[in-house]
PDB file of N, CA and C in Angstrom:
ATOM      1  N   MET A   1      25.272  64.208 -21.023  1.00  0.00           N
ATOM      2  CA  MET A   1      24.271  65.132 -20.527  1.00  0.00           C
ATOM      3  C   MET A   1      23.663  64.571 -19.241  1.00  0.00           C
ATOM      4  N   ALA A   2      23.573  65.393 -18.220  1.00  0.00           N
ATOM      5  CA  ALA A   2      23.015  64.969 -16.937  1.00  0.00           C
ATOM      6  C   ALA A   2      21.497  64.847 -17.031  1.00  0.00           C
ATOM      7  N   LYS A   3      20.976  63.849 -16.380  1.00  0.00           N
ATOM      8  CA  LYS A   3      19.529  63.642 -16.354  1.00  0.00           C
ATOM      9  C   LYS A   3      18.917  64.595 -15.339  1.00  0.00           C
ATOM     10  N   THR A   4      17.906  65.352 -15.747  1.00  0.00           N
ATOM     11  CA  THR A   4      17.305  66.349 -14.854  1.00  0.00           C
ATOM     12  C   THR A   4      15.977  65.895 -14.262  1.00  0.00           C
ATOM     13  N   GLU A   5      15.509  64.742 -14.670  1.00  0.00           N
ATOM     14  CA  GLU A   5      14.252  64.229 -14.133  1.00  0.00           C
ATOM     15  C   GLU A   5      14.457  62.823 -13.616  1.00  0.00           C
ATOM     16  N   THR A   6      13.586  62.438 -12.688  1.00  0.00           N
ATOM     17  CA  THR A   6      13.610  61.081 -12.158  1.00  0.00           C
ATOM     18  C   THR A   6      12.183  60.565 -12.120  1.00  0.00           C
ATOM     19  N   GLN A   7      12.044  59.285 -12.036  1.00  0.00           N
ATOM     20  CA  GLN A   7      10.725  58.674 -12.053  1.00  0.00           C
ATOM     21  C   GLN A   7      10.331  58.279 -10.636  1.00  0.00           C
ATOM     22  N   VAL A   8       9.047  58.487 -10.307  1.00  0.00           N
ATOM     23  CA  VAL A   8       8.499  58.114  -9.006  1.00  0.00           C
ATOM     24  C   VAL A   8       7.264  57.254  -9.265  1.00  0.00           C
ATOM     25  N   ALA A   9       7.177  56.136  -8.593  1.00  0.00           N
ATOM     26  CA  ALA A   9       6.026  55.255  -8.748  1.00  0.00           C
ATOM     27  C   ALA A   9       5.131  55.367  -7.518  1.00  0.00           C
ATOM     28  N   ILE A  10       3.831  55.474  -7.740  1.00  0.00           N
ATOM     29  CA  ILE A  10       2.868  55.515  -6.636  1.00  0.00           C
ATOM     30  C   ILE A  10       1.708  54.583  -6.964  1.00  0.00           C
ATOM     31  N   ARG A  11       1.013  54.183  -5.942  1.00  0.00           N
ATOM     32  CA  ARG A  11      -0.198  53.377  -6.124  1.00  0.00           C
ATOM     33  C   ARG A  11      -1.401  54.250  -5.766  1.00  0.00           C
ATOM     34  N   VAL A  12      -2.432  54.162  -6.584  1.00  0.00           N
ATOM     35  CA  VAL A  12      -3.672  54.888  -6.328  1.00  0.00           C
ATOM     36  C   VAL A  12      -4.838  53.928  -6.524  1.00  0.00           C
ATOM     37  N   THR A  13      -5.976  54.290  -5.970  1.00  0.00           N
ATOM     38  CA  THR A  13      -7.164  53.464  -6.163  1.00  0.00           C
ATOM     39  C   THR A  13      -7.640  53.590  -7.612  1.00  0.00           C
ATOM     40  N   ASN A  14      -8.436  52.633  -8.032  1.00  0.00           N
ATOM     41  CA  ASN A  14      -9.009  52.694  -9.381  1.00  0.00           C
ATOM     42  C   ASN A  14      -9.847  53.958  -9.555  1.00  0.00           C
ATOM     43  N   GLU A  15     -10.559  54.343  -8.494  1.00  0.00           N
ATOM     44  CA  GLU A  15     -11.395  55.543  -8.550  1.00  0.00           C
ATOM     45  C   GLU A  15     -10.543  56.796  -8.746  1.00  0.00           C
ATOM     46  N   LEU A  16      -9.459  56.904  -8.001  1.00  0.00           N
ATOM     47  CA  LEU A  16      -8.595  58.079  -8.144  1.00  0.00           C
ATOM     48  C   LEU A  16      -7.959  58.114  -9.529  1.00  0.00           C
ATOM     49  N   LYS A  17      -7.556  56.961 -10.031  1.00  0.00           N
ATOM     50  CA  LYS A  17      -6.974  56.903 -11.373  1.00  0.00           C
ATOM     51  C   LYS A  17      -7.979  57.383 -12.411  1.00  0.00           C
ATOM     52  N   ALA A  18      -9.218  56.960 -12.276  1.00  0.00           N
ATOM     53  CA  ALA A  18     -10.255  57.391 -13.216  1.00  0.00           C
ATOM     54  C   ALA A  18     -10.470  58.899 -13.133  1.00  0.00           C
ATOM     55  N   ARG A  19     -10.468  59.433 -11.923  1.00  0.00           N
ATOM     56  CA  ARG A  19     -10.635  60.884 -11.749  1.00  0.00           C
ATOM     57  C   ARG A  19      -9.471  61.649 -12.364  1.00  0.00           C
ATOM     58  N   LEU A  20      -8.248  61.145 -12.147  1.00  0.00           N
ATOM     59  CA  LEU A  20      -7.065  61.777 -12.733  1.00  0.00           C
ATOM     60  C   LEU A  20      -7.147  61.767 -14.256  1.00  0.00           C
ATOM     61  N   GLU A  21      -7.521  60.628 -14.813  1.00  0.00           N
ATOM     62  CA  GLU A  21      -7.622  60.524 -16.266  1.00  0.00           C
ATOM     63  C   GLU A  21      -8.700  61.442 -16.827  1.00  0.00           C
ATOM     64  N   ALA A  22      -9.827  61.539 -16.136  1.00  0.00           N
ATOM     65  CA  ALA A  22     -10.913  62.407 -16.599  1.00  0.00           C
ATOM     66  C   ALA A  22     -10.491  63.873 -16.583  1.00  0.00           C
ATOM     67  N   GLN A  23      -9.835  64.286 -15.514  1.00  0.00           N
ATOM     68  CA  GLN A  23      -9.402  65.683 -15.419  1.00  0.00           C
ATOM     69  C   GLN A  23      -8.310  65.976 -16.440  1.00  0.00           C
ATOM     70  N   ALA A  24      -7.398  65.056 -16.616  1.00  0.00           N
ATOM     71  CA  ALA A  24      -6.331  65.245 -17.599  1.00  0.00           C
ATOM     72  C   ALA A  24      -6.922  65.384 -19.002  1.00  0.00           C
ATOM     73  N   GLU A  25      -7.930  64.600 -19.278  1.00  0.00           N
ATOM     74  CA  GLU A  25      -8.584  64.686 -20.590  1.00  0.00           C
ATOM     75  C   GLU A  25      -9.250  66.049 -20.770  1.00  0.00           C
ATOM     76  N   LYS A  26      -9.922  66.544 -19.735  1.00  0.00           N
ATOM     77  CA  LYS A  26     -10.550  67.872 -19.802  1.00  0.00           C
ATOM     78  C   LYS A  26      -9.530  68.958 -20.085  1.00  0.00           C
ATOM     79  N   GLU A  27      -8.332  68.813 -19.486  1.00  0.00           N
ATOM     80  CA  GLU A  27      -7.284  69.813 -19.643  1.00  0.00           C
ATOM     81  C   GLU A  27      -6.381  69.527 -20.846  1.00  0.00           C
ATOM     82  N   ARG A  28      -6.685  68.434 -21.544  1.00  0.00           N
ATOM     83  CA  ARG A  28      -5.900  68.031 -22.721  1.00  0.00           C
ATOM     84  C   ARG A  28      -4.407  67.973 -22.417  1.00  0.00           C
ATOM     85  N   ARG A  29      -4.090  67.246 -21.366  1.00  0.00           N
ATOM     86  CA  ARG A  29      -2.690  67.066 -20.977  1.00  0.00           C
ATOM     87  C   ARG A  29      -2.511  65.623 -20.535  1.00  0.00           C
ATOM     88  N   PRO A  30      -1.288  65.114 -20.593  1.00  0.00           N
ATOM     89  CA  PRO A  30      -1.032  63.755 -20.091  1.00  0.00           C
ATOM     90  C   PRO A  30      -1.276  63.690 -18.577  1.00  0.00           C
ATOM     91  N   VAL A  31      -1.673  62.532 -18.106  1.00  0.00           N
ATOM     92  CA  VAL A  31      -1.925  62.340 -16.678  1.00  0.00           C
ATOM     93  C   VAL A  31      -0.678  62.686 -15.865  1.00  0.00           C
ATOM     94  N   ALA A  32       0.487  62.238 -16.307  1.00  0.00           N
ATOM     95  CA  ALA A  32       1.722  62.511 -15.566  1.00  0.00           C
ATOM     96  C   ALA A  32       1.976  64.009 -15.449  1.00  0.00           C
ATOM     97  N   ASN A  33       1.700  64.753 -16.511  1.00  0.00           N
ATOM     98  CA  ASN A  33       1.897  66.200 -16.492  1.00  0.00           C
ATOM     99  C   ASN A  33       0.935  66.848 -15.507  1.00  0.00           C
ATOM    100  N   MET A  34      -0.301  66.382 -15.474  1.00  0.00           N
ATOM    101  CA  MET A  34      -1.282  66.947 -14.557  1.00  0.00           C
ATOM    102  C   MET A  34      -0.912  66.637 -13.105  1.00  0.00           C
ATOM    103  N   ILE A  35      -0.456  65.428 -12.834  1.00  0.00           N
ATOM    104  CA  ILE A  35      -0.045  65.059 -11.476  1.00  0.00           C
ATOM    105  C   ILE A  35       1.131  65.926 -11.032  1.00  0.00           C
ATOM    106  N   ARG A  36       2.090  66.127 -11.922  1.00  0.00           N
ATOM    107  CA  ARG A  36       3.250  66.971 -11.603  1.00  0.00           C
ATOM    108  C   ARG A  36       2.789  68.395 -11.273  1.00  0.00           C
ATOM    109  N   LYS A  37       1.857  68.929 -12.064  1.00  0.00           N
ATOM    110  CA  LYS A  37       1.332  70.277 -11.835  1.00  0.00           C
ATOM    111  C   LYS A  37       0.657  70.379 -10.465  1.00  0.00           C
ATOM    112  N   VAL A  38      -0.175  69.410 -10.142  1.00  0.00           N
ATOM    113  CA  VAL A  38      -0.893  69.405  -8.858  1.00  0.00           C
ATOM    114  C   VAL A  38       0.086  69.311  -7.688  1.00  0.00           C
ATOM    115  N   MET A  39       1.093  68.459  -7.826  1.00  0.00           N
ATOM    116  CA  MET A  39       2.083  68.308  -6.757  1.00  0.00           C
ATOM    117  C   MET A  39       2.880  69.594  -6.558  1.00  0.00           C
ATOM    118  N   GLU A  40       3.280  70.227  -7.659  1.00  0.00           N
ATOM    119  CA  GLU A  40       4.037  71.478  -7.550  1.00  0.00           C
ATOM    120  C   GLU A  40       3.202  72.570  -6.885  1.00  0.00           C
ATOM    121  N   GLU A  41       1.928  72.680  -7.279  1.00  0.00           N
ATOM    122  CA  GLU A  41       1.049  73.692  -6.679  1.00  0.00           C
ATOM    123  C   GLU A  41       0.885  73.440  -5.181  1.00  0.00           C
ATOM    124  N   TYR A  42       0.714  72.178  -4.796  1.00  0.00           N
ATOM    125  CA  TYR A  42       0.570  71.833  -3.380  1.00  0.00           C
ATOM    126  C   TYR A  42       1.828  72.214  -2.600  1.00  0.00           C
ATOM    127  N   LEU A  43       2.978  71.834  -3.122  1.00  0.00           N
ATOM    128  CA  LEU A  43       4.234  72.125  -2.424  1.00  0.00           C
ATOM    129  C   LEU A  43       4.501  73.628  -2.359  1.00  0.00           C
ATOM    130  N   ASP A  44       4.216  74.354  -3.437  1.00  0.00           N
ATOM    131  CA  ASP A  44       4.370  75.810  -3.417  1.00  0.00           C
ATOM    132  C   ASP A  44       3.520  76.432  -2.305  1.00  0.00           C
ATOM    133  N   LYS A  45       2.274  75.957  -2.187  1.00  0.00           N
ATOM    134  CA  LYS A  45       1.365  76.465  -1.157  1.00  0.00           C
ATOM    135  C   LYS A  45       1.885  76.155   0.245  1.00  0.00           C
ATOM    136  N   GLN A  46       2.333  74.922   0.465  1.00  0.00           N
ATOM    137  CA  GLN A  46       2.837  74.521   1.768  1.00  0.00           C
ATOM    138  C   GLN A  46       4.088  75.319   2.148  1.00  0.00           C
ATOM    139  N   GLU A  47       4.964  75.525   1.183  1.00  0.00           N
ATOM    140  CA  GLU A  47       6.195  76.272   1.452  1.00  0.00           C
ATOM    141  C   GLU A  47       5.882  77.738   1.755  1.00  0.00           C
ATOM    142  N   LYS A  48       4.914  78.299   1.054  1.00  0.00           N
ATOM    143  CA  LYS A  48       4.524  79.685   1.284  1.00  0.00           C
ATOM    144  C   LYS A  48       3.921  79.845   2.683  1.00  0.00           C
ATOM    145  N   GLU A  49       3.100  78.891   3.092  1.00  0.00           N
ATOM    146  CA  GLU A  49       2.467  78.931   4.419  1.00  0.00           C
ATOM    147  C   GLU A  49       3.497  78.772   5.533  1.00  0.00           C
ATOM    148  N   ALA A  50       4.596  78.082   5.252  1.00  0.00           N
ATOM    149  CA  ALA A  50       5.616  77.828   6.270  1.00  0.00           C
ATOM    150  C   ALA A  50       6.521  79.049   6.489  1.00  0.00           C
ATOM    151  N   GLU A  51       6.470  80.000   5.576  1.00  0.00           N
ATOM    152  CA  GLU A  51       7.327  81.192   5.708  1.00  0.00           C
ATOM    153  C   GLU A  51       6.903  82.086   6.845  1.00  0.00           C
TER     154      GLU A  51
END
């Protein structure tokens, strides 16, 4: 079976990590899932604006 996902590592400040964790907790989702959602929304917006 082909792997459909890949891992990306990033560095963030302690403050940003705390903010991400707090928001993820509010939304009851894993931090990684919330980051993926935010990135997809950003890219969708940028691609739409470029059209």
